[in-house]
Amino acid sequence: MRRTELKRMSSDRLWTLRVELAGVLRQKILSMKAQLEDRLRKLRVPASAHRPYPEIQPKYRNPDQPSETWAGRGKKPRWLVAQLRLGKRIEDFRIKVRKKSRIADGLARVGR
């Protein structure tokens, strides 16, 4: 529709045309929104589909509270920072890990 045609129309006809246009636009917007949501749904990866990370074993233990441990990642825990300020070394808190071969040798000696 050309501008000259719009200028010749009456106010009532222009208002009716505006209402019709609003209805058509609303339907098109809803249709486009549904299409976009469908495409987004197809693109989304389920939360459980991410790569599973292995459990990290703790490397350091608080001797005063054995349940307090730290894996050596991220910010140092308060108990460790306090002990380091007192002059202790981080190695003093390292958890001693027995190797599997030594455990197997010990079990063999016991007769299991």
PDB file of N, CA and C in Angstrom:
ATOM      1  N   MET A   1       0.851  -1.179   0.000  1.00  0.00           N
ATOM      2  CA  MET A   1       0.000   0.000   0.000  1.00  0.00           C
ATOM      3  C   MET A   1       0.893   1.237   0.000  1.00  0.00           C
ATOM      4  N   ARG A   2       0.527   2.176  -0.847  1.00  0.00           N
ATOM      5  CA  ARG A   2       1.342   3.374  -0.992  1.00  0.00           C
ATOM      6  C   ARG A   2       0.877   4.453  -0.033  1.00  0.00           C
ATOM      7  N   ARG A   3       1.783   5.397   0.218  1.00  0.00           N
ATOM      8  CA  ARG A   3       1.488   6.486   1.128  1.00  0.00           C
ATOM      9  C   ARG A   3       0.328   7.358   0.649  1.00  0.00           C
ATOM     10  N   THR A   4       0.247   7.540  -0.617  1.00  0.00           N
ATOM     11  CA  THR A   4      -0.835   8.375  -1.161  1.00  0.00           C
ATOM     12  C   THR A   4      -2.185   7.720  -0.902  1.00  0.00           C
ATOM     13  N   GLU A   5      -2.221   6.386  -0.966  1.00  0.00           N
ATOM     14  CA  GLU A   5      -3.481   5.680  -0.680  1.00  0.00           C
ATOM     15  C   GLU A   5      -3.844   5.843   0.789  1.00  0.00           C
ATOM     16  N   LEU A   6      -2.864   5.799   1.660  1.00  0.00           N
ATOM     17  CA  LEU A   6      -3.121   5.961   3.093  1.00  0.00           C
ATOM     18  C   LEU A   6      -3.645   7.366   3.387  1.00  0.00           C
ATOM     19  N   LYS A   7      -3.102   8.363   2.699  1.00  0.00           N
ATOM     20  CA  LYS A   7      -3.536   9.746   2.933  1.00  0.00           C
ATOM     21  C   LYS A   7      -4.996   9.952   2.528  1.00  0.00           C
ATOM     22  N   ARG A   8      -5.481   9.195   1.524  1.00  0.00           N
ATOM     23  CA  ARG A   8      -6.852   9.342   1.048  1.00  0.00           C
ATOM     24  C   ARG A   8      -7.864   8.638   1.935  1.00  0.00           C
ATOM     25  N   MET A   9      -7.411   7.703   2.790  1.00  0.00           N
ATOM     26  CA  MET A   9      -8.337   6.920   3.629  1.00  0.00           C
ATOM     27  C   MET A   9      -8.889   7.762   4.765  1.00  0.00           C
ATOM     28  N   SER A  10     -10.072   7.363   5.207  1.00  0.00           N
ATOM     29  CA  SER A  10     -10.685   8.047   6.342  1.00  0.00           C
ATOM     30  C   SER A  10     -10.025   7.573   7.637  1.00  0.00           C
ATOM     31  N   SER A  11     -10.232   8.317   8.718  1.00  0.00           N
ATOM     32  CA  SER A  11      -9.659   7.966  10.014  1.00  0.00           C
ATOM     33  C   SER A  11     -10.180   6.619  10.496  1.00  0.00           C
ATOM     34  N   ASP A  12     -11.484   6.356  10.293  1.00  0.00           N
ATOM     35  CA  ASP A  12     -12.063   5.079  10.718  1.00  0.00           C
ATOM     36  C   ASP A  12     -11.412   3.912   9.964  1.00  0.00           C
ATOM     37  N   ARG A  13     -11.235   4.084   8.678  1.00  0.00           N
ATOM     38  CA  ARG A  13     -10.632   3.013   7.873  1.00  0.00           C
ATOM     39  C   ARG A  13      -9.168   2.799   8.276  1.00  0.00           C
ATOM     40  N   LEU A  14      -8.437   3.893   8.519  1.00  0.00           N
ATOM     41  CA  LEU A  14      -7.056   3.789   8.969  1.00  0.00           C
ATOM     42  C   LEU A  14      -6.973   3.061  10.316  1.00  0.00           C
ATOM     43  N   TRP A  15      -7.907   3.387  11.221  1.00  0.00           N
ATOM     44  CA  TRP A  15      -7.911   2.733  12.536  1.00  0.00           C
ATOM     45  C   TRP A  15      -8.190   1.236  12.392  1.00  0.00           C
ATOM     46  N   THR A  16      -9.120   0.873  11.531  1.00  0.00           N
ATOM     47  CA  THR A  16      -9.439  -0.528  11.288  1.00  0.00           C
ATOM     48  C   THR A  16      -8.225  -1.246  10.707  1.00  0.00           C
ATOM     49  N   LEU A  17      -7.564  -0.589   9.773  1.00  0.00           N
ATOM     50  CA  LEU A  17      -6.361  -1.159   9.181  1.00  0.00           C
ATOM     51  C   LEU A  17      -5.265  -1.357  10.241  1.00  0.00           C
ATOM     52  N   ARG A  18      -5.149  -0.393  11.146  1.00  0.00           N
ATOM     53  CA  ARG A  18      -4.169  -0.505  12.229  1.00  0.00           C
ATOM     54  C   ARG A  18      -4.477  -1.700  13.116  1.00  0.00           C
ATOM     55  N   VAL A  19      -5.725  -1.909  13.471  1.00  0.00           N
ATOM     56  CA  VAL A  19      -6.122  -3.037  14.316  1.00  0.00           C
ATOM     57  C   VAL A  19      -5.829  -4.358  13.606  1.00  0.00           C
ATOM     58  N   GLU A  20      -6.153  -4.421  12.315  1.00  0.00           N
ATOM     59  CA  GLU A  20      -5.870  -5.635  11.533  1.00  0.00           C
ATOM     60  C   GLU A  20      -4.364  -5.914  11.478  1.00  0.00           C
ATOM     61  N   LEU A  21      -3.580  -4.851  11.234  1.00  0.00           N
ATOM     62  CA  LEU A  21      -2.128  -5.002  11.187  1.00  0.00           C
ATOM     63  C   LEU A  21      -1.580  -5.497  12.536  1.00  0.00           C
ATOM     64  N   ALA A  22      -2.093  -4.963  13.622  1.00  0.00           N
ATOM     65  CA  ALA A  22      -1.636  -5.382  14.946  1.00  0.00           C
ATOM     66  C   ALA A  22      -1.931  -6.865  15.161  1.00  0.00           C
ATOM     67  N   GLY A  23      -3.100  -7.323  14.718  1.00  0.00           N
ATOM     68  CA  GLY A  23      -3.445  -8.742  14.840  1.00  0.00           C
ATOM     69  C   GLY A  23      -2.522  -9.635  14.020  1.00  0.00           C
ATOM     70  N   VAL A  24      -2.259  -9.218  12.787  1.00  0.00           N
ATOM     71  CA  VAL A  24      -1.382 -10.003  11.913  1.00  0.00           C
ATOM     72  C   VAL A  24       0.037 -10.029  12.485  1.00  0.00           C
ATOM     73  N   LEU A  25       0.522  -8.875  12.949  1.00  0.00           N
ATOM     74  CA  LEU A  25       1.856  -8.814  13.542  1.00  0.00           C
ATOM     75  C   LEU A  25       1.950  -9.689  14.785  1.00  0.00           C
ATOM     76  N   ARG A  26       0.919  -9.682  15.629  1.00  0.00           N
ATOM     77  CA  ARG A  26       0.911 -10.497  16.838  1.00  0.00           C
ATOM     78  C   ARG A  26       1.039 -11.975  16.484  1.00  0.00           C
ATOM     79  N   GLN A  27       0.288 -12.405  15.466  1.00  0.00           N
ATOM     80  CA  GLN A  27       0.345 -13.809  15.054  1.00  0.00           C
ATOM     81  C   GLN A  27       1.728 -14.171  14.493  1.00  0.00           C
ATOM     82  N   LYS A  28       2.299 -13.277  13.696  1.00  0.00           N
ATOM     83  CA  LYS A  28       3.617 -13.551  13.136  1.00  0.00           C
ATOM     84  C   LYS A  28       4.687 -13.596  14.224  1.00  0.00           C
ATOM     85  N   ILE A  29       4.597 -12.686  15.183  1.00  0.00           N
ATOM     86  CA  ILE A  29       5.564 -12.666  16.279  1.00  0.00           C
ATOM     87  C   ILE A  29       5.462 -13.943  17.100  1.00  0.00           C
ATOM     88  N   LEU A  30       4.238 -14.370  17.414  1.00  0.00           N
ATOM     89  CA  LEU A  30       4.057 -15.607  18.179  1.00  0.00           C
ATOM     90  C   LEU A  30       4.591 -16.815  17.418  1.00  0.00           C
ATOM     91  N   SER A  31       4.365 -16.837  16.103  1.00  0.00           N
ATOM     92  CA  SER A  31       4.863 -17.932  15.281  1.00  0.00           C
ATOM     93  C   SER A  31       6.388 -17.955  15.268  1.00  0.00           C
ATOM     94  N   MET A  32       7.008 -16.782  15.091  1.00  0.00           N
ATOM     95  CA  MET A  32       8.466 -16.705  15.081  1.00  0.00           C
ATOM     96  C   MET A  32       9.042 -17.075  16.450  1.00  0.00           C
ATOM     97  N   LYS A  33       8.377 -16.651  17.506  1.00  0.00           N
ATOM     98  CA  LYS A  33       8.839 -16.971  18.852  1.00  0.00           C
ATOM     99  C   LYS A  33       8.807 -18.482  19.084  1.00  0.00           C
ATOM    100  N   ALA A  34       7.735 -19.135  18.631  1.00  0.00           N
ATOM    101  CA  ALA A  34       7.626 -20.583  18.788  1.00  0.00           C
ATOM    102  C   ALA A  34       8.737 -21.291  18.009  1.00  0.00           C
ATOM    103  N   GLN A  35       9.027 -20.806  16.807  1.00  0.00           N
ATOM    104  CA  GLN A  35      10.108 -21.401  16.012  1.00  0.00           C
ATOM    105  C   GLN A  35      11.457 -21.243  16.704  1.00  0.00           C
ATOM    106  N   LEU A  36      11.711 -20.047  17.231  1.00  0.00           N
ATOM    107  CA  LEU A  36      12.978 -19.806  17.911  1.00  0.00           C
ATOM    108  C   LEU A  36      13.114 -20.654  19.173  1.00  0.00           C
ATOM    109  N   GLU A  37      12.044 -20.770  19.945  1.00  0.00           N
ATOM    110  CA  GLU A  37      12.088 -21.591  21.148  1.00  0.00           C
ATOM    111  C   GLU A  37      12.339 -23.055  20.797  1.00  0.00           C
ATOM    112  N   ASP A  38      11.734 -23.510  19.695  1.00  0.00           N
ATOM    113  CA  ASP A  38      11.959 -24.886  19.252  1.00  0.00           C
ATOM    114  C   ASP A  38      13.428 -25.089  18.862  1.00  0.00           C
ATOM    115  N   ARG A  39      13.998 -24.132  18.142  1.00  0.00           N
ATOM    116  CA  ARG A  39      15.398 -24.234  17.756  1.00  0.00           C
ATOM    117  C   ARG A  39      16.318 -24.210  18.980  1.00  0.00           C
ATOM    118  N   LEU A  40      15.987 -23.360  19.959  1.00  0.00           N
ATOM    119  CA  LEU A  40      16.777 -23.309  21.189  1.00  0.00           C
ATOM    120  C   LEU A  40      16.705 -24.630  21.949  1.00  0.00           C
ATOM    121  N   ARG A  41      15.525 -25.208  21.991  1.00  0.00           N
ATOM    122  CA  ARG A  41      15.327 -26.488  22.680  1.00  0.00           C
ATOM    123  C   ARG A  41      16.199 -27.571  22.040  1.00  0.00           C
ATOM    124  N   LYS A  42      16.316 -27.526  20.714  1.00  0.00           N
ATOM    125  CA  LYS A  42      17.141 -28.508  20.014  1.00  0.00           C
ATOM    126  C   LYS A  42      18.629 -28.269  20.253  1.00  0.00           C
ATOM    127  N   LEU A  43      19.019 -27.020  20.453  1.00  0.00           N
ATOM    128  CA  LEU A  43      20.423 -26.688  20.665  1.00  0.00           C
ATOM    129  C   LEU A  43      20.889 -26.976  22.087  1.00  0.00           C
ATOM    130  N   ARG A  44      19.997 -26.894  23.039  1.00  0.00           N
ATOM    131  CA  ARG A  44      20.392 -27.075  24.437  1.00  0.00           C
ATOM    132  C   ARG A  44      20.879 -28.492  24.697  1.00  0.00           C
ATOM    133  N   VAL A  45      21.945 -28.567  25.471  1.00  0.00           N
ATOM    134  CA  VAL A  45      22.501 -29.857  25.876  1.00  0.00           C
ATOM    135  C   VAL A  45      22.012 -30.127  27.292  1.00  0.00           C
ATOM    136  N   PRO A  46      21.528 -31.320  27.562  1.00  0.00           N
ATOM    137  CA  PRO A  46      21.076 -31.611  28.911  1.00  0.00           C
ATOM    138  C   PRO A  46      22.198 -31.411  29.926  1.00  0.00           C
ATOM    139  N   ALA A  47      21.839 -31.019  31.138  1.00  0.00           N
ATOM    140  CA  ALA A  47      22.831 -30.713  32.167  1.00  0.00           C
ATOM    141  C   ALA A  47      23.679 -31.930  32.506  1.00  0.00           C
ATOM    142  N   SER A  48      23.120 -33.109  32.400  1.00  0.00           N
ATOM    143  CA  SER A  48      23.866 -34.307  32.764  1.00  0.00           C
ATOM    144  C   SER A  48      24.805 -34.766  31.641  1.00  0.00           C
ATOM    145  N   ALA A  49      24.815 -34.072  30.527  1.00  0.00           N
ATOM    146  CA  ALA A  49      25.627 -34.493  29.396  1.00  0.00           C
ATOM    147  C   ALA A  49      27.058 -33.950  29.459  1.00  0.00           C
ATOM    148  N   HIS A  50      27.371 -33.152  30.484  1.00  0.00           N
ATOM    149  CA  HIS A  50      28.734 -32.641  30.546  1.00  0.00           C
ATOM    150  C   HIS A  50      29.704 -33.732  30.983  1.00  0.00           C
ATOM    151  N   ARG A  51      30.946 -33.501  30.716  1.00  0.00           N
ATOM    152  CA  ARG A  51      31.978 -34.492  30.989  1.00  0.00           C
ATOM    153  C   ARG A  51      32.082 -34.729  32.492  1.00  0.00           C
ATOM    154  N   PRO A  52      32.038 -35.973  32.928  1.00  0.00           N
ATOM    155  CA  PRO A  52      32.173 -36.233  34.360  1.00  0.00           C
ATOM    156  C   PRO A  52      33.627 -36.071  34.791  1.00  0.00           C
ATOM    157  N   TYR A  53      33.836 -35.336  35.858  1.00  0.00           N
ATOM    158  CA  TYR A  53      35.174 -35.126  36.375  1.00  0.00           C
ATOM    159  C   TYR A  53      35.452 -36.145  37.479  1.00  0.00           C
ATOM    160  N   PRO A  54      36.668 -36.625  37.543  1.00  0.00           N
ATOM    161  CA  PRO A  54      36.988 -37.607  38.579  1.00  0.00           C
ATOM    162  C   PRO A  54      36.969 -36.953  39.961  1.00  0.00           C
ATOM    163  N   GLU A  55      36.661 -37.755  40.959  1.00  0.00           N
ATOM    164  CA  GLU A  55      36.655 -37.245  42.317  1.00  0.00           C
ATOM    165  C   GLU A  55      38.100 -36.973  42.725  1.00  0.00           C
ATOM    166  N   ILE A  56      38.316 -35.849  43.366  1.00  0.00           N
ATOM    167  CA  ILE A  56      39.659 -35.449  43.754  1.00  0.00           C
ATOM    168  C   ILE A  56      39.856 -35.814  45.217  1.00  0.00           C
ATOM    169  N   GLN A  57      40.897 -36.558  45.478  1.00  0.00           N
ATOM    170  CA  GLN A  57      41.200 -36.982  46.842  1.00  0.00           C
ATOM    171  C   GLN A  57      41.886 -35.848  47.593  1.00  0.00           C
ATOM    172  N   PRO A  58      41.609 -35.709  48.886  1.00  0.00           N
ATOM    173  CA  PRO A  58      42.274 -34.659  49.655  1.00  0.00           C
ATOM    174  C   PRO A  58      43.765 -34.952  49.818  1.00  0.00           C
ATOM    175  N   LYS A  59      44.564 -33.896  49.859  1.00  0.00           N
ATOM    176  CA  LYS A  59      46.015 -34.042  49.999  1.00  0.00           C
ATOM    177  C   LYS A  59      46.500 -33.581  51.365  1.00  0.00           C
ATOM    178  N   TYR A  60      45.714 -32.735  52.033  1.00  0.00           N
ATOM    179  CA  TYR A  60      46.132 -32.172  53.305  1.00  0.00           C
ATOM    180  C   TYR A  60      45.025 -32.373  54.343  1.00  0.00           C
ATOM    181  N   ARG A  61      45.438 -32.610  55.594  1.00  0.00           N
ATOM    182  CA  ARG A  61      44.471 -32.846  56.668  1.00  0.00           C
ATOM    183  C   ARG A  61      44.861 -32.006  57.881  1.00  0.00           C
ATOM    184  N   ASN A  62      43.850 -31.460  58.544  1.00  0.00           N
ATOM    185  CA  ASN A  62      44.046 -30.708  59.768  1.00  0.00           C
ATOM    186  C   ASN A  62      44.256 -31.712  60.904  1.00  0.00           C
ATOM    187  N   PRO A  63      45.411 -31.696  61.583  1.00  0.00           N
ATOM    188  CA  PRO A  63      45.638 -32.672  62.650  1.00  0.00           C
ATOM    189  C   PRO A  63      44.715 -32.464  63.845  1.00  0.00           C
ATOM    190  N   ASP A  64      44.257 -31.221  64.073  1.00  0.00           N
ATOM    191  CA  ASP A  64      43.353 -30.949  65.196  1.00  0.00           C
ATOM    192  C   ASP A  64      41.933 -31.409  64.897  1.00  0.00           C
ATOM    193  N   GLN A  65      41.514 -31.315  63.664  1.00  0.00           N
ATOM    194  CA  GLN A  65      40.188 -31.735  63.209  1.00  0.00           C
ATOM    195  C   GLN A  65      40.381 -32.616  61.980  1.00  0.00           C
ATOM    196  N   PRO A  66      40.539 -33.916  62.127  1.00  0.00           N
ATOM    197  CA  PRO A  66      40.820 -34.783  60.970  1.00  0.00           C
ATOM    198  C   PRO A  66      39.750 -34.761  59.882  1.00  0.00           C
ATOM    199  N   SER A  67      38.548 -34.310  60.220  1.00  0.00           N
ATOM    200  CA  SER A  67      37.512 -34.255  59.189  1.00  0.00           C
ATOM    201  C   SER A  67      37.721 -33.083  58.231  1.00  0.00           C
ATOM    202  N   GLU A  68      38.564 -32.112  58.618  1.00  0.00           N
ATOM    203  CA  GLU A  68      38.850 -30.962  57.759  1.00  0.00           C
ATOM    204  C   GLU A  68      40.011 -31.314  56.836  1.00  0.00           C
ATOM    205  N   THR A  69      39.718 -31.381  55.553  1.00  0.00           N
ATOM    206  CA  THR A  69      40.742 -31.713  54.564  1.00  0.00           C
ATOM    207  C   THR A  69      40.728 -30.684  53.446  1.00  0.00           C
ATOM    208  N   TRP A  70      41.791 -30.729  52.642  1.00  0.00           N
ATOM    209  CA  TRP A  70      41.912 -29.826  51.498  1.00  0.00           C
ATOM    210  C   TRP A  70      42.598 -30.574  50.376  1.00  0.00           C
ATOM    211  N   ALA A  71      42.087 -30.442  49.169  1.00  0.00           N
ATOM    212  CA  ALA A  71      42.625 -31.161  48.013  1.00  0.00           C
ATOM    213  C   ALA A  71      43.779 -30.412  47.356  1.00  0.00           C
ATOM    214  N   GLY A  72      44.097 -29.224  47.837  1.00  0.00           N
ATOM    215  CA  GLY A  72      45.190 -28.468  47.245  1.00  0.00           C
ATOM    216  C   GLY A  72      44.753 -27.603  46.091  1.00  0.00           C
ATOM    217  N   ARG A  73      43.460 -27.475  45.899  1.00  0.00           N
ATOM    218  CA  ARG A  73      42.936 -26.650  44.809  1.00  0.00           C
ATOM    219  C   ARG A  73      42.150 -25.495  45.397  1.00  0.00           C
ATOM    220  N   GLY A  74      42.222 -24.373  44.728  1.00  0.00           N
ATOM    221  CA  GLY A  74      41.458 -23.214  45.181  1.00  0.00           C
ATOM    222  C   GLY A  74      42.129 -22.528  46.362  1.00  0.00           C
ATOM    223  N   LYS A  75      41.335 -21.733  47.046  1.00  0.00           N
ATOM    224  CA  LYS A  75      41.837 -20.951  48.165  1.00  0.00           C
ATOM    225  C   LYS A  75      42.190 -21.860  49.334  1.00  0.00           C
ATOM    226  N   LYS A  76      43.270 -21.547  50.034  1.00  0.00           N
ATOM    227  CA  LYS A  76      43.680 -22.354  51.183  1.00  0.00           C
ATOM    228  C   LYS A  76      42.663 -22.191  52.306  1.00  0.00           C
ATOM    229  N   PRO A  77      42.352 -23.279  52.995  1.00  0.00           N
ATOM    230  CA  PRO A  77      41.396 -23.175  54.098  1.00  0.00           C
ATOM    231  C   PRO A  77      41.985 -22.394  55.272  1.00  0.00           C
ATOM    232  N   ARG A  78      41.115 -21.850  56.102  1.00  0.00           N
ATOM    233  CA  ARG A  78      41.545 -21.003  57.212  1.00  0.00           C
ATOM    234  C   ARG A  78      42.450 -21.749  58.188  1.00  0.00           C
ATOM    235  N   TRP A  79      42.118 -22.993  58.458  1.00  0.00           N
ATOM    236  CA  TRP A  79      42.935 -23.740  59.417  1.00  0.00           C
ATOM    237  C   TRP A  79      44.369 -23.884  58.915  1.00  0.00           C
ATOM    238  N   LEU A  80      44.546 -24.057  57.613  1.00  0.00           N
ATOM    239  CA  LEU A  80      45.880 -24.204  57.045  1.00  0.00           C
ATOM    240  C   LEU A  80      46.618 -22.869  57.054  1.00  0.00           C
ATOM    241  N   VAL A  81      45.943 -21.807  56.706  1.00  0.00           N
ATOM    242  CA  VAL A  81      46.558 -20.482  56.693  1.00  0.00           C
ATOM    243  C   VAL A  81      47.035 -20.124  58.096  1.00  0.00           C
ATOM    244  N   ALA A  82      46.206 -20.418  59.098  1.00  0.00           N
ATOM    245  CA  ALA A  82      46.581 -20.114  60.474  1.00  0.00           C
ATOM    246  C   ALA A  82      47.822 -20.904  60.888  1.00  0.00           C
ATOM    247  N   GLN A  83      47.901 -22.171  60.514  1.00  0.00           N
ATOM    248  CA  GLN A  83      49.056 -22.998  60.860  1.00  0.00           C
ATOM    249  C   GLN A  83      50.312 -22.531  60.125  1.00  0.00           C
ATOM    250  N   LEU A  84      50.166 -22.110  58.892  1.00  0.00           N
ATOM    251  CA  LEU A  84      51.317 -21.619  58.135  1.00  0.00           C
ATOM    252  C   LEU A  84      51.848 -20.320  58.739  1.00  0.00           C
ATOM    253  N   ARG A  85      50.959 -19.491  59.267  1.00  0.00           N
ATOM    254  CA  ARG A  85      51.387 -18.251  59.919  1.00  0.00           C
ATOM    255  C   ARG A  85      52.171 -18.537  61.191  1.00  0.00           C
ATOM    256  N   LEU A  86      51.865 -19.652  61.821  1.00  0.00           N
ATOM    257  CA  LEU A  86      52.585 -20.041  63.030  1.00  0.00           C
ATOM    258  C   LEU A  86      53.969 -20.609  62.717  1.00  0.00           C
ATOM    259  N   GLY A  87      54.280 -20.758  61.445  1.00  0.00           N
ATOM    260  CA  GLY A  87      55.611 -21.196  61.051  1.00  0.00           C
ATOM    261  C   GLY A  87      55.686 -22.639  60.585  1.00  0.00           C
ATOM    262  N   LYS A  88      54.575 -23.346  60.550  1.00  0.00           N
ATOM    263  CA  LYS A  88      54.610 -24.727  60.079  1.00  0.00           C
ATOM    264  C   LYS A  88      54.685 -24.744  58.558  1.00  0.00           C
ATOM    265  N   ARG A  89      55.143 -25.854  58.019  1.00  0.00           N
ATOM    266  CA  ARG A  89      55.246 -26.004  56.572  1.00  0.00           C
ATOM    267  C   ARG A  89      54.015 -26.760  56.062  1.00  0.00           C
ATOM    268  N   ILE A  90      53.667 -26.531  54.818  1.00  0.00           N
ATOM    269  CA  ILE A  90      52.500 -27.191  54.226  1.00  0.00           C
ATOM    270  C   ILE A  90      52.689 -28.702  54.165  1.00  0.00           C
ATOM    271  N   GLU A  91      53.946 -29.132  54.037  1.00  0.00           N
ATOM    272  CA  GLU A  91      54.236 -30.572  53.974  1.00  0.00           C
ATOM    273  C   GLU A  91      53.908 -31.276  55.288  1.00  0.00           C
ATOM    274  N   ASP A  92      53.846 -30.511  56.388  1.00  0.00           N
ATOM    275  CA  ASP A  92      53.510 -31.106  57.684  1.00  0.00           C
ATOM    276  C   ASP A  92      52.071 -31.625  57.701  1.00  0.00           C
ATOM    277  N   PHE A  93      51.242 -31.153  56.788  1.00  0.00           N
ATOM    278  CA  PHE A  93      49.827 -31.514  56.776  1.00  0.00           C
ATOM    279  C   PHE A  93      49.464 -32.476  55.651  1.00  0.00           C
ATOM    280  N   ARG A  94      50.470 -32.874  54.855  1.00  0.00           N
ATOM    281  CA  ARG A  94      50.206 -33.763  53.725  1.00  0.00           C
ATOM    282  C   ARG A  94      49.742 -35.119  54.225  1.00  0.00           C
ATOM    283  N   ILE A  95      48.726 -35.654  53.581  1.00  0.00           N
ATOM    284  CA  ILE A  95      48.204 -36.979  53.912  1.00  0.00           C
ATOM    285  C   ILE A  95      49.119 -38.015  53.287  1.00  0.00           C
ATOM    286  N   LYS A  96      49.576 -38.933  54.077  1.00  0.00           N
ATOM    287  CA  LYS A  96      50.460 -39.986  53.573  1.00  0.00           C
ATOM    288  C   LYS A  96      49.615 -41.004  52.824  1.00  0.00           C
ATOM    289  N   VAL A  97      49.964 -41.259  51.567  1.00  0.00           N
ATOM    290  CA  VAL A  97      49.217 -42.196  50.734  1.00  0.00           C
ATOM    291  C   VAL A  97      50.046 -43.462  50.570  1.00  0.00           C
ATOM    292  N   ARG A  98      49.441 -44.565  50.930  1.00  0.00           N
ATOM    293  CA  ARG A  98      50.117 -45.847  50.742  1.00  0.00           C
ATOM    294  C   ARG A  98      49.844 -46.321  49.336  1.00  0.00           C
ATOM    295  N   LYS A  99      50.873 -46.805  48.695  1.00  0.00           N
ATOM    296  CA  LYS A  99      50.713 -47.287  47.325  1.00  0.00           C
ATOM    297  C   LYS A  99      49.996 -48.630  47.347  1.00  0.00           C
ATOM    298  N   LYS A 100      49.249 -48.913  46.307  1.00  0.00           N
ATOM    299  CA  LYS A 100      48.482 -50.158  46.230  1.00  0.00           C
ATOM    300  C   LYS A 100      49.389 -51.378  46.274  1.00  0.00           C
ATOM    301  N   SER A 101      50.566 -51.277  45.666  1.00  0.00           N
ATOM    302  CA  SER A 101      51.463 -52.432  45.658  1.00  0.00           C
ATOM    303  C   SER A 101      51.932 -52.748  47.076  1.00  0.00           C
ATOM    304  N   ARG A 102      52.177 -51.735  47.890  1.00  0.00           N
ATOM    305  CA  ARG A 102      52.576 -51.972  49.277  1.00  0.00           C
ATOM    306  C   ARG A 102      51.431 -52.574  50.079  1.00  0.00           C
ATOM    307  N   ILE A 103      50.224 -52.131  49.799  1.00  0.00           N
ATOM    308  CA  ILE A 103      49.072 -52.696  50.495  1.00  0.00           C
ATOM    309  C   ILE A 103      48.925 -54.167  50.129  1.00  0.00           C
ATOM    310  N   ALA A 104      49.097 -54.493  48.864  1.00  0.00           N
ATOM    311  CA  ALA A 104      48.981 -55.879  48.416  1.00  0.00           C
ATOM    312  C   ALA A 104      50.078 -56.740  49.031  1.00  0.00           C
ATOM    313  N   ASP A 105      51.310 -56.180  49.138  1.00  0.00           N
ATOM    314  CA  ASP A 105      52.401 -56.925  49.768  1.00  0.00           C
ATOM    315  C   ASP A 105      52.109 -57.186  51.236  1.00  0.00           C
ATOM    316  N   GLY A 106      51.540 -56.211  51.908  1.00  0.00           N
ATOM    317  CA  GLY A 106      51.205 -56.384  53.314  1.00  0.00           C
ATOM    318  C   GLY A 106      50.143 -57.445  53.503  1.00  0.00           C
ATOM    319  N   LEU A 107      49.167 -57.464  52.608  1.00  0.00           N
ATOM    320  CA  LEU A 107      48.106 -58.478  52.704  1.00  0.00           C
ATOM    321  C   LEU A 107      48.667 -59.870  52.414  1.00  0.00           C
ATOM    322  N   ALA A 108      49.636 -59.956  51.508  1.00  0.00           N
ATOM    323  CA  ALA A 108      50.231 -61.253  51.173  1.00  0.00           C
ATOM    324  C   ALA A 108      51.021 -61.799  52.358  1.00  0.00           C
ATOM    325  N   ARG A 109      51.701 -60.899  53.085  1.00  0.00           N
ATOM    326  CA  ARG A 109      52.466 -61.328  54.249  1.00  0.00           C
ATOM    327  C   ARG A 109      51.563 -61.829  55.360  1.00  0.00           C
ATOM    328  N   VAL A 110      50.410 -61.195  55.511  1.00  0.00           N
ATOM    329  CA  VAL A 110      49.480 -61.601  56.562  1.00  0.00           C
ATOM    330  C   VAL A 110      48.823 -62.922  56.204  1.00  0.00           C
ATOM    331  N   GLY A 111      48.737 -63.238  54.927  1.00  0.00           N
ATOM    332  CA  GLY A 111      48.173 -64.516  54.500  1.00  0.00           C
ATOM    333  C   GLY A 111      46.764 -64.397  53.980  1.00  0.00           C
ATOM    334  N   ARG A 112      46.405 -63.270  53.536  1.00  0.00           N
ATOM    335  CA  ARG A 112      45.042 -63.097  53.006  1.00  0.00           C
ATOM    336  C   ARG A 112      44.993 -63.353  51.555  1.00  0.00           C
TER     337      ARG A 112
END
